[in-house]
C-alpha cells in the first residue's frame, strides 16, 4: 500500500516537474525574443496640397433644437403684433418681450368709459 502511494506521489512530482520545465523554457524563449525585438519604422504617406472650391451650401433633411431656449406663452390668448427682442440677446425680468394686439380690449374699454359718462 505504501509503495503504491509512493509511486503515485513520484508520478505526480514528475508530471509537475515536466510541466514546470516546459513553462520555464517557454518563458526564456519569450524573454530572448523580447530582447531582440525592434519596433518597425512608421509608414508615412504624403499628398500634394492643392486648392479646391467647396460647395457653399449642403442640402440636408434634419431637425434643429436649441441648446438654450425658452417657450413664451401669454396669460391671455391674442395675436402677437411686435417682438421686442433680438434672437440671442439676454433679457432681464420685467423686460418687454412681445406686444399683443389689444385693439379689441381698448375698444371695449372705450365703450365702457362712454357708458359711465
N, C-alpha and C. Protein backbone atom coordinates (compact mmCIF):
# COMPACT_ATOMS: atom_id res chain seq x y z
N UNK A 1 0.82 -1.19 0.00
CA UNK A 1 0.00 0.00 0.00
C UNK A 1 0.87 1.25 0.00
N UNK A 2 1.91 1.23 0.82
CA UNK A 2 2.79 2.38 0.89
C UNK A 2 3.55 2.56 -0.41
N UNK A 3 3.85 1.46 -1.06
CA UNK A 3 4.59 1.52 -2.32
C UNK A 3 3.71 2.18 -3.39
N UNK A 4 2.45 1.87 -3.41
CA UNK A 4 1.53 2.47 -4.38
C UNK A 4 1.40 3.98 -4.15
N UNK A 5 1.29 4.39 -2.91
CA UNK A 5 1.17 5.82 -2.59
C UNK A 5 2.46 6.51 -2.98
N UNK A 6 3.60 5.91 -2.67
CA UNK A 6 4.89 6.48 -3.02
C UNK A 6 5.05 6.59 -4.53
N UNK A 7 4.59 5.59 -5.27
CA UNK A 7 4.67 5.61 -6.74
C UNK A 7 3.76 6.70 -7.31
N UNK A 8 2.57 6.85 -6.74
CA UNK A 8 1.64 7.88 -7.20
C UNK A 8 2.22 9.27 -6.96
N UNK A 9 2.81 9.47 -5.78
CA UNK A 9 3.42 10.76 -5.46
C UNK A 9 4.58 11.04 -6.42
N UNK A 10 5.38 10.02 -6.71
CA UNK A 10 6.50 10.16 -7.63
C UNK A 10 6.02 10.54 -9.03
N UNK A 11 4.94 9.93 -9.50
CA UNK A 11 4.38 10.24 -10.82
C UNK A 11 3.87 11.69 -10.85
N UNK A 12 3.18 12.12 -9.81
CA UNK A 12 2.65 13.48 -9.75
C UNK A 12 3.81 14.48 -9.75
N UNK A 13 4.87 14.20 -8.98
CA UNK A 13 6.02 15.09 -8.92
C UNK A 13 6.70 15.16 -10.29
N UNK A 14 6.80 14.06 -11.01
CA UNK A 14 7.42 14.04 -12.33
C UNK A 14 6.59 14.85 -13.33
N UNK A 15 5.28 14.71 -13.28
CA UNK A 15 4.40 15.45 -14.20
C UNK A 15 4.50 16.95 -13.92
N UNK A 16 4.44 17.34 -12.65
CA UNK A 16 4.54 18.75 -12.28
C UNK A 16 5.90 19.29 -12.67
N UNK A 17 6.97 18.52 -12.45
CA UNK A 17 8.32 18.96 -12.82
C UNK A 17 8.45 19.13 -14.31
N UNK A 18 7.89 18.20 -15.09
CA UNK A 18 7.94 18.30 -16.55
C UNK A 18 7.21 19.55 -17.03
N UNK A 19 6.01 19.79 -16.51
CA UNK A 19 5.24 20.98 -16.90
C UNK A 19 5.97 22.26 -16.51
N UNK A 20 6.59 22.27 -15.31
CA UNK A 20 7.33 23.45 -14.86
C UNK A 20 8.53 23.69 -15.77
N UNK A 21 9.23 22.63 -16.17
CA UNK A 21 10.38 22.76 -17.06
C UNK A 21 9.97 23.31 -18.42
N UNK A 22 8.86 22.82 -18.95
CA UNK A 22 8.37 23.31 -20.25
C UNK A 22 8.03 24.80 -20.15
N UNK A 23 7.37 25.18 -19.08
CA UNK A 23 6.99 26.60 -18.90
C UNK A 23 8.23 27.47 -18.75
N UNK A 24 9.24 27.02 -18.04
CA UNK A 24 10.47 27.79 -17.86
C UNK A 24 11.14 28.00 -19.22
N UNK A 25 11.17 26.98 -20.06
CA UNK A 25 11.77 27.10 -21.39
C UNK A 25 10.97 28.09 -22.25
N UNK A 26 9.64 28.04 -22.18
CA UNK A 26 8.80 28.96 -22.96
C UNK A 26 9.04 30.41 -22.52
N UNK A 27 9.15 30.63 -21.23
CA UNK A 27 9.37 31.99 -20.72
C UNK A 27 10.74 32.49 -21.16
N UNK A 28 11.77 31.63 -21.13
CA UNK A 28 13.10 32.04 -21.57
C UNK A 28 13.09 32.41 -23.05
N UNK A 29 12.37 31.65 -23.88
CA UNK A 29 12.27 31.96 -25.30
C UNK A 29 11.59 33.31 -25.50
N UNK A 30 10.52 33.59 -24.74
CA UNK A 30 9.81 34.86 -24.88
C UNK A 30 10.69 36.03 -24.44
N UNK A 31 11.48 35.86 -23.39
CA UNK A 31 12.38 36.92 -22.93
C UNK A 31 13.43 37.19 -24.00
N UNK A 32 14.00 36.12 -24.59
CA UNK A 32 15.01 36.29 -25.64
C UNK A 32 14.40 36.98 -26.87
N UNK A 33 13.19 36.62 -27.23
CA UNK A 33 12.53 37.25 -28.37
C UNK A 33 12.25 38.72 -28.07
N UNK A 34 11.92 39.05 -26.84
CA UNK A 34 11.66 40.44 -26.45
C UNK A 34 12.92 41.28 -26.51
N UNK A 35 14.06 40.72 -26.18
CA UNK A 35 15.32 41.46 -26.23
C UNK A 35 15.71 41.77 -27.66
N UNK A 36 15.40 40.89 -28.59
CA UNK A 36 15.77 41.07 -30.00
C UNK A 36 14.71 41.86 -30.78
N UNK A 37 13.60 42.17 -30.17
CA UNK A 37 12.50 42.85 -30.88
C UNK A 37 12.88 44.29 -31.17
N UNK A 38 12.64 44.73 -32.40
CA UNK A 38 12.84 46.12 -32.79
C UNK A 38 11.52 46.64 -33.35
N UNK A 39 11.20 47.85 -32.97
CA UNK A 39 9.95 48.46 -33.43
C UNK A 39 10.07 48.75 -34.93
N UNK A 40 9.10 48.32 -35.72
CA UNK A 40 9.18 48.60 -37.16
C UNK A 40 9.02 50.10 -37.42
N UNK A 41 9.63 50.60 -38.48
CA UNK A 41 9.52 52.04 -38.76
C UNK A 41 8.09 52.42 -39.12
N UNK A 42 7.73 53.66 -38.79
CA UNK A 42 6.40 54.18 -39.09
C UNK A 42 6.29 54.46 -40.59
N UNK A 43 5.14 54.15 -41.14
CA UNK A 43 4.93 54.45 -42.55
C UNK A 43 4.33 55.86 -42.67
N UNK A 44 4.82 56.61 -43.62
CA UNK A 44 4.36 57.98 -43.82
C UNK A 44 3.91 58.11 -45.27
N UNK A 45 2.74 58.69 -45.45
CA UNK A 45 2.26 58.93 -46.81
C UNK A 45 2.10 60.43 -47.00
N UNK A 46 2.33 60.89 -48.20
CA UNK A 46 2.23 62.32 -48.49
C UNK A 46 1.29 62.55 -49.66
N UNK A 47 0.72 63.74 -49.69
CA UNK A 47 -0.16 64.15 -50.77
C UNK A 47 0.15 65.61 -51.08
N UNK A 48 0.16 65.95 -52.34
CA UNK A 48 0.40 67.33 -52.73
C UNK A 48 -0.87 68.14 -52.45
N UNK A 49 -0.72 69.23 -51.73
CA UNK A 49 -1.86 70.08 -51.40
C UNK A 49 -2.23 70.93 -52.59
N UNK A 50 -3.51 71.03 -52.87
CA UNK A 50 -3.96 71.89 -53.96
C UNK A 50 -5.27 72.55 -53.55
N UNK A 51 -5.51 73.68 -54.15
CA UNK A 51 -6.71 74.46 -53.81
C UNK A 51 -7.90 73.92 -54.58
N UNK A 52 -9.03 73.77 -53.86
CA UNK A 52 -10.27 73.32 -54.47
C UNK A 52 -11.41 74.21 -53.99
N UNK A 53 -12.41 74.34 -54.80
CA UNK A 53 -13.60 75.11 -54.41
C UNK A 53 -14.62 74.13 -53.82
N UNK A 54 -15.08 74.47 -52.63
CA UNK A 54 -16.06 73.63 -51.95
C UNK A 54 -17.45 74.21 -52.18
N UNK A 55 -18.42 73.35 -52.00
CA UNK A 55 -19.82 73.76 -52.13
C UNK A 55 -20.15 74.75 -51.02
N UNK A 56 -20.84 75.85 -51.37
CA UNK A 56 -21.21 76.84 -50.37
C UNK A 56 -22.31 76.33 -49.44
N UNK A 57 -23.20 75.53 -49.97
CA UNK A 57 -24.31 75.02 -49.17
C UNK A 57 -24.38 73.51 -49.30
N UNK A 58 -25.04 72.94 -48.36
CA UNK A 58 -25.24 71.49 -48.35
C UNK A 58 -26.71 71.24 -48.04
N UNK A 59 -27.38 70.53 -48.90
CA UNK A 59 -28.79 70.25 -48.71
C UNK A 59 -28.93 69.01 -47.82
N UNK A 60 -29.74 69.14 -46.78
CA UNK A 60 -29.95 68.02 -45.87
C UNK A 60 -31.33 68.13 -45.25
N UNK A 61 -31.81 67.01 -44.77
CA UNK A 61 -33.08 66.98 -44.05
C UNK A 61 -32.73 66.70 -42.60
N UNK A 62 -33.17 67.59 -41.72
CA UNK A 62 -32.83 67.43 -40.30
C UNK A 62 -33.81 68.22 -39.45
N UNK A 63 -33.65 68.08 -38.16
CA UNK A 63 -34.41 68.90 -37.23
C UNK A 63 -33.41 69.57 -36.30
N UNK A 64 -33.70 70.81 -35.93
CA UNK A 64 -32.78 71.60 -35.12
C UNK A 64 -33.44 71.87 -33.78
N UNK A 65 -32.67 71.73 -32.73
CA UNK A 65 -33.15 72.00 -31.39
C UNK A 65 -32.19 72.97 -30.72
N UNK A 66 -32.71 73.98 -30.06
CA UNK A 66 -31.87 74.97 -29.40
C UNK A 66 -31.20 74.36 -28.18
N UNK A 67 -29.94 74.75 -27.95
CA UNK A 67 -29.23 74.29 -26.75
C UNK A 67 -29.79 74.98 -25.52
N UNK A 68 -30.08 76.28 -25.66
CA UNK A 68 -30.72 77.04 -24.58
C UNK A 68 -31.89 77.80 -25.20
N UNK A 69 -33.00 77.79 -24.54
CA UNK A 69 -34.14 78.49 -25.10
C UNK A 69 -35.24 78.62 -24.07
N UNK A 70 -36.29 79.29 -24.47
CA UNK A 70 -37.42 79.49 -23.59
C UNK A 70 -38.69 79.48 -24.44
N UNK A 71 -39.75 78.94 -23.89
CA UNK A 71 -41.05 78.97 -24.55
C UNK A 71 -41.88 80.06 -23.89
N UNK A 72 -42.32 81.01 -24.68
CA UNK A 72 -43.08 82.15 -24.15
C UNK A 72 -44.55 81.90 -24.42
N UNK A 73 -45.35 81.91 -23.36
CA UNK A 73 -46.79 81.72 -23.52
C UNK A 73 -47.50 82.87 -22.78
N UNK A 74 -48.48 83.50 -23.42
CA UNK A 74 -49.20 84.59 -22.76
C UNK A 74 -50.24 84.06 -21.79
N UNK A 75 -50.63 84.93 -20.85
CA UNK A 75 -51.70 84.57 -19.91
C UNK A 75 -53.06 84.60 -20.59
N UNK A 76 -53.17 85.42 -21.62
CA UNK A 76 -54.44 85.52 -22.35
C UNK A 76 -54.18 85.24 -23.83
N UNK A 77 -55.18 84.72 -24.54
CA UNK A 77 -54.97 84.47 -25.97
C UNK A 77 -54.97 85.78 -26.74
N UNK A 78 -54.25 85.81 -27.85
CA UNK A 78 -54.21 87.01 -28.68
C UNK A 78 -53.21 86.84 -29.80
N UNK A 79 -53.13 87.88 -30.63
CA UNK A 79 -52.22 87.88 -31.77
C UNK A 79 -51.01 88.74 -31.43
N UNK A 80 -49.83 88.22 -31.68
CA UNK A 80 -48.60 88.97 -31.41
C UNK A 80 -48.42 90.00 -32.53
N UNK A 81 -48.29 91.28 -32.15
CA UNK A 81 -48.10 92.35 -33.14
C UNK A 81 -46.65 92.82 -33.21
N UNK A 82 -45.88 92.57 -32.15
CA UNK A 82 -44.48 93.03 -32.13
C UNK A 82 -43.65 92.09 -31.27
N UNK A 83 -42.47 91.77 -31.75
CA UNK A 83 -41.49 91.03 -30.95
C UNK A 83 -40.43 92.04 -30.56
N UNK A 84 -40.27 92.27 -29.26
CA UNK A 84 -39.45 93.38 -28.77
C UNK A 84 -38.05 92.95 -28.35
N UNK A 85 -37.52 91.87 -28.89
CA UNK A 85 -36.15 91.46 -28.55
C UNK A 85 -35.53 90.82 -29.78
N UNK A 86 -34.21 90.81 -29.83
CA UNK A 86 -33.47 90.16 -30.91
C UNK A 86 -33.08 88.76 -30.47
N UNK A 87 -33.06 87.84 -31.40
CA UNK A 87 -32.68 86.47 -31.09
C UNK A 87 -31.25 86.42 -30.56
N UNK A 88 -31.05 85.74 -29.46
CA UNK A 88 -29.72 85.59 -28.88
C UNK A 88 -29.37 86.62 -27.83
N UNK A 89 -30.21 87.65 -27.64
CA UNK A 89 -29.90 88.67 -26.64
C UNK A 89 -30.33 88.20 -25.26
N UNK A 90 -29.68 88.77 -24.26
CA UNK A 90 -30.01 88.46 -22.87
C UNK A 90 -31.08 89.44 -22.41
N UNK A 91 -32.12 88.93 -21.78
CA UNK A 91 -33.19 89.80 -21.27
C UNK A 91 -33.27 89.64 -19.76
N UNK A 92 -33.80 90.67 -19.11
CA UNK A 92 -33.95 90.65 -17.66
C UNK A 92 -35.43 90.50 -17.31
N UNK A 93 -35.68 90.15 -16.09
CA UNK A 93 -37.06 90.04 -15.63
C UNK A 93 -37.75 91.39 -15.76
N UNK A 94 -38.92 91.41 -16.31
CA UNK A 94 -39.69 92.63 -16.47
C UNK A 94 -39.52 93.29 -17.82
N UNK A 95 -38.55 92.84 -18.65
CA UNK A 95 -38.37 93.41 -19.98
C UNK A 95 -39.55 93.03 -20.87
N UNK A 96 -39.91 93.93 -21.79
CA UNK A 96 -40.98 93.66 -22.74
C UNK A 96 -40.45 92.69 -23.80
N UNK A 97 -41.11 91.58 -23.96
CA UNK A 97 -40.69 90.59 -24.95
C UNK A 97 -41.55 90.65 -26.20
N UNK A 98 -42.88 90.61 -26.02
CA UNK A 98 -43.80 90.68 -27.17
C UNK A 98 -44.96 91.60 -26.81
N UNK A 99 -45.53 92.16 -27.85
CA UNK A 99 -46.71 93.01 -27.66
C UNK A 99 -47.87 92.33 -28.37
N UNK A 100 -48.97 92.16 -27.65
CA UNK A 100 -50.16 91.53 -28.20
C UNK A 100 -51.09 92.57 -28.80
N UNK A 101 -51.94 92.15 -29.73
CA UNK A 101 -52.95 93.03 -30.33
C UNK A 101 -54.05 93.24 -29.29
N UNK A 102 -54.12 94.45 -28.78
CA UNK A 102 -55.11 94.77 -27.74
C UNK A 102 -56.20 95.72 -28.26
N UNK A 103 -56.37 95.78 -29.56
CA UNK A 103 -57.35 96.73 -30.12
C UNK A 103 -58.77 96.39 -29.66
N UNK A 104 -59.08 95.10 -29.55
CA UNK A 104 -60.43 94.71 -29.11
C UNK A 104 -60.67 95.14 -27.67
N UNK A 105 -59.68 94.91 -26.80
CA UNK A 105 -59.82 95.30 -25.39
C UNK A 105 -59.90 96.82 -25.25
N UNK A 106 -59.13 97.56 -26.06
CA UNK A 106 -59.18 99.02 -25.99
C UNK A 106 -60.55 99.53 -26.45
N UNK A 107 -61.13 98.90 -27.46
CA UNK A 107 -62.48 99.30 -27.92
C UNK A 107 -63.51 99.02 -26.83
N UNK A 108 -63.36 97.86 -26.16
CA UNK A 108 -64.30 97.54 -25.06
C UNK A 108 -64.15 98.54 -23.92
N UNK A 109 -62.91 98.93 -23.61
CA UNK A 109 -62.67 99.90 -22.55
C UNK A 109 -63.29 101.25 -22.92
N UNK A 110 -63.14 101.68 -24.17
CA UNK A 110 -63.71 102.96 -24.61
C UNK A 110 -65.23 102.90 -24.52
N UNK A 111 -65.82 101.75 -24.86
CA UNK A 111 -67.28 101.61 -24.80
C UNK A 111 -67.76 101.69 -23.35
N UNK A 112 -67.06 101.04 -22.45
CA UNK A 112 -67.46 101.08 -21.04
C UNK A 112 -67.30 102.47 -20.48
N UNK A 113 -66.20 103.16 -20.83
CA UNK A 113 -66.00 104.53 -20.35
C UNK A 113 -67.09 105.46 -20.88
N UNK A 114 -67.53 105.23 -22.13
CA UNK A 114 -68.59 106.05 -22.70
C UNK A 114 -69.90 105.80 -21.96
N UNK A 115 -70.14 104.57 -21.56
CA UNK A 115 -71.37 104.27 -20.83
C UNK A 115 -71.34 104.88 -19.42
N UNK A 116 -70.13 104.95 -18.83
CA UNK A 116 -70.00 105.51 -17.49
C UNK A 116 -70.38 107.00 -17.53
N UNK A 117 -69.93 107.70 -18.56
CA UNK A 117 -70.19 109.13 -18.67
C UNK A 117 -71.66 109.34 -18.98
